[in-house]
Protein backbone atom coordinates (compact mmCIF):
# COMPACT_ATOMS: atom_id res chain seq x y z
CA UNK A 1 -15.64 0.87 20.34
CA UNK A 2 -14.23 -2.47 20.46
CA UNK A 3 -15.11 -3.17 16.92
CA UNK A 4 -13.40 0.11 15.92
CA UNK A 5 -10.21 -0.85 17.88
CA UNK A 6 -10.28 -4.41 16.47
CA UNK A 7 -10.54 -2.96 12.83
CA UNK A 8 -7.74 -0.70 13.50
CA UNK A 9 -5.51 -3.41 15.02
CA UNK A 10 -6.19 -5.45 11.76
CA UNK A 11 -5.46 -2.65 9.46
CA UNK A 12 -2.00 -1.88 11.30
CA UNK A 13 -1.20 -5.66 11.36
CA UNK A 14 -1.70 -6.01 7.71
CA UNK A 15 0.72 -3.14 7.12
CA UNK A 16 3.53 -5.10 8.74
CA UNK A 17 4.61 -6.29 5.15
CA UNK A 18 7.29 -4.18 3.65
CA UNK A 19 8.39 -4.28 0.06
CA UNK A 20 11.81 -3.05 -0.61
CA UNK A 21 11.30 -2.42 -4.22
CA UNK A 22 10.90 1.35 -4.65
CA UNK A 23 10.01 4.06 -7.05
CA UNK A 24 10.71 7.26 -4.92
CA UNK A 25 8.76 10.59 -5.02
CA UNK A 26 10.64 13.85 -5.39
CA UNK A 27 10.03 15.49 -2.23
CA UNK A 28 12.59 18.38 -2.53
CA UNK A 29 14.88 20.28 -4.74
CA UNK A 30 17.78 17.90 -3.72
CA UNK A 31 16.20 14.54 -3.97
CA UNK A 32 18.20 11.91 -5.86
CA UNK A 33 15.72 9.73 -7.73
CA UNK A 34 16.72 5.97 -7.87
CA UNK A 35 14.37 3.08 -8.55
CA UNK A 36 15.63 0.03 -6.63
CA UNK A 37 14.81 -3.80 -6.47
CA UNK A 38 15.74 -6.52 -4.05
CA UNK A 39 17.78 -9.34 -5.51
CA UNK A 40 19.73 -12.38 -4.37
CA UNK A 41 23.58 -12.41 -4.65
CA UNK A 42 24.36 -15.61 -6.32
CA UNK A 43 27.89 -14.58 -7.34
CA UNK A 44 30.00 -16.69 -5.17
CA UNK A 45 31.36 -13.73 -3.44
CA UNK A 46 30.56 -10.48 -1.86
CA UNK A 47 29.22 -7.76 -4.04
CA UNK A 48 29.72 -4.02 -3.00
CA UNK A 49 28.08 -0.73 -3.61
CA UNK A 50 28.69 0.45 -7.22
CA UNK A 51 29.20 -2.97 -8.74
CA UNK A 52 27.33 -3.98 -11.93
CA UNK A 53 25.13 -7.02 -11.70
CA UNK A 54 23.65 -9.26 -14.36
CA UNK A 55 20.84 -11.72 -14.12
CA UNK A 56 22.16 -15.24 -13.26
CA UNK A 57 21.04 -17.29 -16.28
CA UNK A 58 23.26 -20.36 -15.44
CA UNK A 59 22.66 -21.46 -11.91
CA UNK A 60 19.14 -20.31 -11.24
CA UNK A 61 18.13 -20.03 -14.90
CA UNK A 62 16.62 -16.44 -14.45
CA UNK A 63 15.58 -16.77 -18.16
CA UNK A 64 13.38 -19.73 -17.16
CA UNK A 65 12.38 -19.05 -13.56
CA UNK A 66 12.29 -15.34 -13.18
CA UNK A 67 14.00 -15.65 -9.78
CA UNK A 68 15.85 -12.36 -9.11
CA UNK A 69 19.19 -13.97 -8.63
CA UNK A 70 22.28 -11.91 -9.80
CA UNK A 71 26.00 -12.35 -10.44
CA UNK A 72 28.85 -10.49 -12.31
CA UNK A 73 30.21 -10.87 -15.60
CA UNK A 74 33.32 -10.08 -17.60
CA UNK A 75 31.24 -9.99 -20.84
CA UNK A 76 31.23 -6.36 -22.14
CA UNK A 77 27.70 -5.00 -23.26
CA UNK A 78 26.17 -8.19 -21.53
CA UNK A 79 22.55 -8.66 -22.68
CA UNK A 80 21.64 -9.68 -19.16
CA UNK A 81 22.52 -6.46 -17.49
CA UNK A 82 20.43 -6.10 -14.33
CA UNK A 83 21.51 -3.01 -12.37
CA UNK A 84 24.04 -1.52 -9.86
CA UNK A 85 24.36 -2.81 -6.33
CA UNK A 86 23.34 -0.19 -3.65
CA UNK A 87 24.31 -1.83 -0.33
CA UNK A 88 27.75 -1.19 1.12
CA UNK A 89 28.14 -4.81 1.54
CA UNK A 90 26.11 -7.74 0.07
CA UNK A 91 27.48 -11.13 1.16
CA UNK A 92 27.07 -14.20 -1.03
CA UNK A 93 23.63 -15.85 -0.84
CA UNK A 94 22.04 -12.85 0.76
CA UNK A 95 19.32 -10.28 -0.38
CA UNK A 96 20.51 -6.86 -1.34
CA UNK A 97 19.21 -3.69 -3.05
CA UNK A 98 19.96 -2.83 -6.57
CA UNK A 99 19.41 0.45 -8.54
CA UNK A 100 17.53 -0.33 -11.78
CA UNK A 101 16.83 3.13 -12.98
CA UNK A 102 17.83 6.74 -11.85
CA UNK A 103 21.09 8.13 -10.42
CA UNK A 104 23.76 5.90 -8.86
CA UNK A 105 27.46 5.88 -8.05
CA UNK A 106 28.88 3.36 -10.28
CA UNK A 107 32.34 1.43 -10.20
CA UNK A 108 33.82 2.53 -13.68
CA UNK A 109 36.83 1.57 -15.67
CA UNK A 110 39.43 4.34 -16.32
CA UNK A 111 39.63 6.41 -19.51
CA UNK A 112 35.83 6.78 -20.11
CA UNK A 113 34.28 9.90 -21.50
CA UNK A 114 31.54 11.72 -19.46
CA UNK A 115 27.96 11.98 -21.11
CA UNK A 116 28.59 8.84 -23.14
CA UNK A 117 26.89 5.42 -22.86
CA UNK A 118 28.55 2.80 -20.65
CA UNK A 119 27.86 -0.86 -20.19
CA UNK A 120 29.24 -4.04 -18.42
CA UNK A 121 33.07 -4.17 -19.12
CA UNK A 122 35.81 -6.78 -19.12
CA UNK A 123 36.30 -6.54 -15.33
CA UNK A 124 33.62 -8.31 -13.25
CA UNK A 125 31.35 -5.61 -11.60
CA UNK A 126 33.02 -2.73 -13.32
CA UNK A 127 31.30 -0.59 -16.05
CA UNK A 128 33.21 -0.09 -19.27
CA UNK A 129 32.89 1.87 -22.57
CA UNK A 130 29.85 0.50 -24.53
CA UNK A 131 30.07 -0.68 -28.16
CA UNK A 132 27.16 -0.20 -30.50
CA UNK A 133 25.64 -3.51 -31.93
CA UNK A 134 22.97 -6.07 -31.73
CA UNK A 135 22.21 -8.35 -28.81
CA UNK A 136 23.82 -6.01 -26.33
CA UNK A 137 22.62 -3.98 -23.26
CA UNK A 138 23.63 -0.50 -22.15
CA UNK A 139 23.72 0.45 -18.40
CA UNK A 140 23.13 4.21 -18.96
CA UNK A 141 25.06 7.44 -19.25
CA UNK A 142 28.21 8.29 -17.45
CA UNK A 143 27.55 11.83 -16.21
CA UNK A 144 30.97 12.65 -14.82
CA UNK A 145 34.31 11.05 -14.79
CA UNK A 146 34.88 12.06 -11.35
CA UNK A 147 35.32 9.84 -8.31
CA UNK A 148 32.80 10.78 -5.60
CA UNK A 149 33.09 12.28 -3.16
CA UNK A 150 36.55 13.38 -3.93
CA UNK A 151 35.89 14.77 -7.35
CA UNK A 152 39.12 13.39 -8.54
CA UNK A 153 39.39 12.30 -12.32
CA UNK A 154 39.30 8.43 -12.32
CA UNK A 155 42.83 7.42 -13.12
CA UNK A 156 44.65 4.33 -14.16
CA UNK A 157 45.73 3.69 -10.61
CA UNK A 158 42.12 3.77 -9.28
CA UNK A 159 41.03 0.71 -7.72
CA UNK A 160 37.36 1.56 -7.53
CA UNK A 161 36.22 4.75 -9.05
CA UNK A 162 32.71 5.46 -8.13
CA UNK A 163 31.25 8.03 -10.57
CA UNK A 164 27.63 9.25 -11.09
CA UNK A 165 25.69 7.44 -13.71
CA UNK A 166 22.11 8.01 -14.94
CA UNK A 167 21.01 4.28 -15.02
CA UNK A 168 18.55 3.50 -17.79
CA UNK A 169 19.04 0.05 -18.88
CA UNK A 170 18.36 -0.33 -22.63
CA UNK A 171 18.77 -3.64 -24.56
CA UNK A 172 19.18 -3.96 -28.27
CA UNK A 173 18.11 -7.26 -29.78
């Protein structure tokens, strides 16, 4: 009996490690499916839910190290598009969750057309209209141009307009 209890204790102790990266299962008819990844905010400021992030290829050299450091950009269709911040608040130099595939509320620019491709835009952290070309990445498809949860159309005066997007990052070399 002592061996059984000792074995059980070892199994439970080994399960103390939790990985935040997730690919959720559909468990009901109202499950929102979003794949997430834990990243490190290296932007120099706070990131908030809905902001777009790109891999930090300058400071930490993601392209060389593979370290999951993110920042923001003002480059449209940025080739280093990483995902959408999920946390309500992610302070600088802290870990946070990012949606890399699936449904997410995204801070979008005004004047976008629903059911079209969007990508990083000219305002840091905000999605804009995508432009076809080479050496670009697309964030995904804007499903509705409606601020959630108010369902008001995203207008010119909107500071942050969080609209539903099907995140599916695709890069064209």
